[in-house]
């Protein structure tokens, strides 16, 4: 996988997050905060988990920040601002990488401190895939609240771009 392919994948992810947030912003505060018995409770905790996972992996890649999963619960009004900043940081990090660095083993530690050596491209793919999985859960919860979620599929992104 090349740097340009990683950039394209991250652009898709940013588009999918922005689309998810269009639907999430249509929720009332009580719907946003409601425990819906999903993996992470409800929309707020699931969206916060997606954000926290992306922040965790960026910290692993850059060495800036703790290698721990944040328990932060993001408020509806701060979602776009937080994600816009995070996505810019991710793009800046990738912009500084060469194709060779993206293919080379990249060391990180899991939450237990165990070291792993995998190419950066695999780690980025994992993050985008992980976030897609949880965006799917958010879509189900949105439907349960009577909101039709905005499209976030990769093929829809390709068709628009």
Protein backbone atom coordinates (compact mmCIF):
# COMPACT_ATOMS: atom_id res chain seq x y z
CA UNK A 1 0.00 0.00 0.00
CA UNK A 2 1.31 3.44 -0.88
CA UNK A 3 1.19 6.75 0.90
CA UNK A 4 -1.39 8.03 -1.61
CA UNK A 5 -3.60 5.01 -0.90
CA UNK A 6 -3.33 5.65 2.86
CA UNK A 7 -4.24 9.31 2.28
CA UNK A 8 -7.25 8.21 0.21
CA UNK A 9 -8.34 5.85 3.00
CA UNK A 10 -8.06 8.61 5.61
CA UNK A 11 -10.00 10.99 3.36
CA UNK A 12 -12.75 8.39 3.13
CA UNK A 13 -12.75 8.03 6.90
CA UNK A 14 -13.02 11.82 7.37
CA UNK A 15 -15.92 11.91 4.91
CA UNK A 16 -17.67 9.03 6.68
CA UNK A 17 -17.22 10.68 10.08
CA UNK A 18 -18.61 13.97 8.73
CA UNK A 19 -21.64 12.13 7.33
CA UNK A 20 -22.18 10.27 10.59
CA UNK A 21 -22.05 13.55 12.48
CA UNK A 22 -24.75 15.07 10.22
CA UNK A 23 -27.12 12.41 11.53
CA UNK A 24 -25.86 12.49 15.13
CA UNK A 25 -26.39 16.26 15.26
CA UNK A 26 -30.08 15.70 14.46
CA UNK A 27 -30.57 13.86 17.77
CA UNK A 28 -31.94 15.55 20.85
CA UNK A 29 -29.52 15.75 23.78
CA UNK A 30 -31.47 13.02 25.59
CA UNK A 31 -31.34 10.73 22.54
CA UNK A 32 -27.62 11.41 22.16
CA UNK A 33 -26.95 10.52 25.81
CA UNK A 34 -29.43 7.62 26.10
CA UNK A 35 -28.10 4.16 26.99
CA UNK A 36 -29.30 1.95 24.16
CA UNK A 37 -27.66 -1.25 25.41
CA UNK A 38 -25.16 -1.31 22.54
CA UNK A 39 -21.53 -2.35 22.94
CA UNK A 40 -20.64 1.08 24.34
CA UNK A 41 -24.09 1.99 25.61
CA UNK A 42 -25.53 4.62 23.30
CA UNK A 43 -24.62 7.10 20.63
CA UNK A 44 -22.54 9.38 22.86
CA UNK A 45 -20.36 6.62 24.27
CA UNK A 46 -19.99 4.92 20.86
CA UNK A 47 -19.04 8.12 19.05
CA UNK A 48 -16.65 8.96 21.89
CA UNK A 49 -15.11 5.49 21.56
CA UNK A 50 -14.54 5.97 17.82
CA UNK A 51 -12.84 9.30 18.48
CA UNK A 52 -10.77 7.90 21.35
CA UNK A 53 -9.54 4.97 19.26
CA UNK A 54 -8.36 7.30 16.53
CA UNK A 55 -6.65 9.53 19.11
CA UNK A 56 -4.99 6.45 20.73
CA UNK A 57 -3.57 5.18 17.44
CA UNK A 58 -2.29 8.62 16.49
CA UNK A 59 -0.52 8.81 19.86
CA UNK A 60 1.06 5.41 19.17
CA UNK A 61 2.29 6.53 15.76
CA UNK A 62 3.65 9.89 16.86
CA UNK A 63 4.75 9.05 20.39
CA UNK A 64 2.82 12.14 21.53
CA UNK A 65 0.31 11.35 24.23
CA UNK A 66 -0.41 8.37 26.41
CA UNK A 67 -0.89 4.84 25.09
CA UNK A 68 -4.23 4.54 26.82
CA UNK A 69 -7.85 4.57 25.78
CA UNK A 70 -9.58 7.73 26.93
CA UNK A 71 -12.90 7.47 28.73
CA UNK A 72 -13.88 10.96 27.56
CA UNK A 73 -17.55 11.49 26.73
CA UNK A 74 -17.76 14.02 23.94
CA UNK A 75 -20.59 16.54 23.93
CA UNK A 76 -22.65 16.86 20.78
CA UNK A 77 -21.56 20.45 20.17
CA UNK A 78 -17.84 19.65 20.18
CA UNK A 79 -17.79 16.65 17.83
CA UNK A 80 -16.94 18.42 14.56
CA UNK A 81 -14.28 20.65 16.11
CA UNK A 82 -12.56 17.75 17.85
CA UNK A 83 -12.65 15.48 14.81
CA UNK A 84 -11.49 18.17 12.39
CA UNK A 85 -8.41 18.74 14.53
CA UNK A 86 -7.71 15.03 14.93
CA UNK A 87 -8.08 14.35 11.21
CA UNK A 88 -5.71 17.20 10.40
CA UNK A 89 -3.15 15.72 12.81
CA UNK A 90 -3.48 12.29 11.19
CA UNK A 91 -3.03 13.74 7.70
CA UNK A 92 -0.01 15.77 8.81
CA UNK A 93 1.57 12.65 10.29
CA UNK A 94 1.03 10.64 7.10
CA UNK A 95 2.25 13.57 4.98
CA UNK A 96 5.63 13.25 6.69
CA UNK A 97 5.93 9.54 5.89
CA UNK A 98 7.53 8.00 2.81
CA UNK A 99 6.12 4.99 0.95
CA UNK A 100 9.00 2.99 2.42
CA UNK A 101 8.10 4.01 5.98
CA UNK A 102 4.47 3.05 5.39
CA UNK A 103 5.58 -0.42 4.26
CA UNK A 104 8.19 -0.96 6.98
CA UNK A 105 7.43 -2.61 10.34
CA UNK A 106 6.25 0.05 12.76
CA UNK A 107 6.47 -0.67 16.48
CA UNK A 108 3.64 0.03 18.89
CA UNK A 109 2.46 -1.33 22.22
CA UNK A 110 -1.04 -2.55 22.93
CA UNK A 111 -2.95 -1.43 26.01
CA UNK A 112 -1.24 -4.14 28.09
CA UNK A 113 2.20 -2.95 27.00
CA UNK A 114 2.90 -5.85 24.63
CA UNK A 115 5.06 -4.78 21.66
CA UNK A 116 3.94 -5.39 18.09
CA UNK A 117 5.70 -4.78 14.78
CA UNK A 118 3.38 -4.29 11.85
CA UNK A 119 3.56 -2.05 8.81
CA UNK A 120 1.95 1.33 9.33
CA UNK A 121 -0.41 0.71 6.42
CA UNK A 122 -1.92 -2.29 8.25
CA UNK A 123 -2.41 -0.21 11.37
CA UNK A 124 -4.16 2.57 9.44
CA UNK A 125 -6.39 0.03 7.70
CA UNK A 126 -7.24 -1.45 11.09
CA UNK A 127 -8.22 1.96 12.49
CA UNK A 128 -10.47 2.79 9.54
CA UNK A 129 -12.06 -0.68 9.63
CA UNK A 130 -12.59 -0.48 13.40
CA UNK A 131 -14.25 2.90 13.06
CA UNK A 132 -16.47 1.66 10.21
CA UNK A 133 -17.69 -1.15 12.45
CA UNK A 134 -18.73 1.27 15.19
CA UNK A 135 -20.22 3.76 12.72
CA UNK A 136 -22.48 0.87 11.71
CA UNK A 137 -23.59 0.53 15.33
CA UNK A 138 -24.27 4.28 15.46
CA UNK A 139 -26.42 3.90 12.31
CA UNK A 140 -28.56 1.25 14.01
CA UNK A 141 -29.01 3.44 17.10
CA UNK A 142 -29.91 6.43 14.92
CA UNK A 143 -32.62 4.37 13.23
CA UNK A 144 -33.93 3.36 16.65
CA UNK A 145 -34.27 7.09 17.40
CA UNK A 146 -36.18 7.69 14.16
CA UNK A 147 -33.25 9.30 12.32
CA UNK A 148 -32.27 8.02 8.87
CA UNK A 149 -28.45 7.91 8.91
CA UNK A 150 -26.47 9.55 6.13
CA UNK A 151 -24.54 7.14 3.89
CA UNK A 152 -21.03 6.21 5.07
CA UNK A 153 -20.17 3.27 2.81
CA UNK A 154 -16.84 3.27 1.03
CA UNK A 155 -18.53 2.68 -2.34
CA UNK A 156 -20.74 5.75 -1.77
CA UNK A 157 -17.57 7.74 -1.12
CA UNK A 158 -15.99 6.45 -4.34
CA UNK A 159 -19.13 7.35 -6.30
CA UNK A 160 -19.09 10.90 -4.94
CA UNK A 161 -15.37 11.37 -5.46
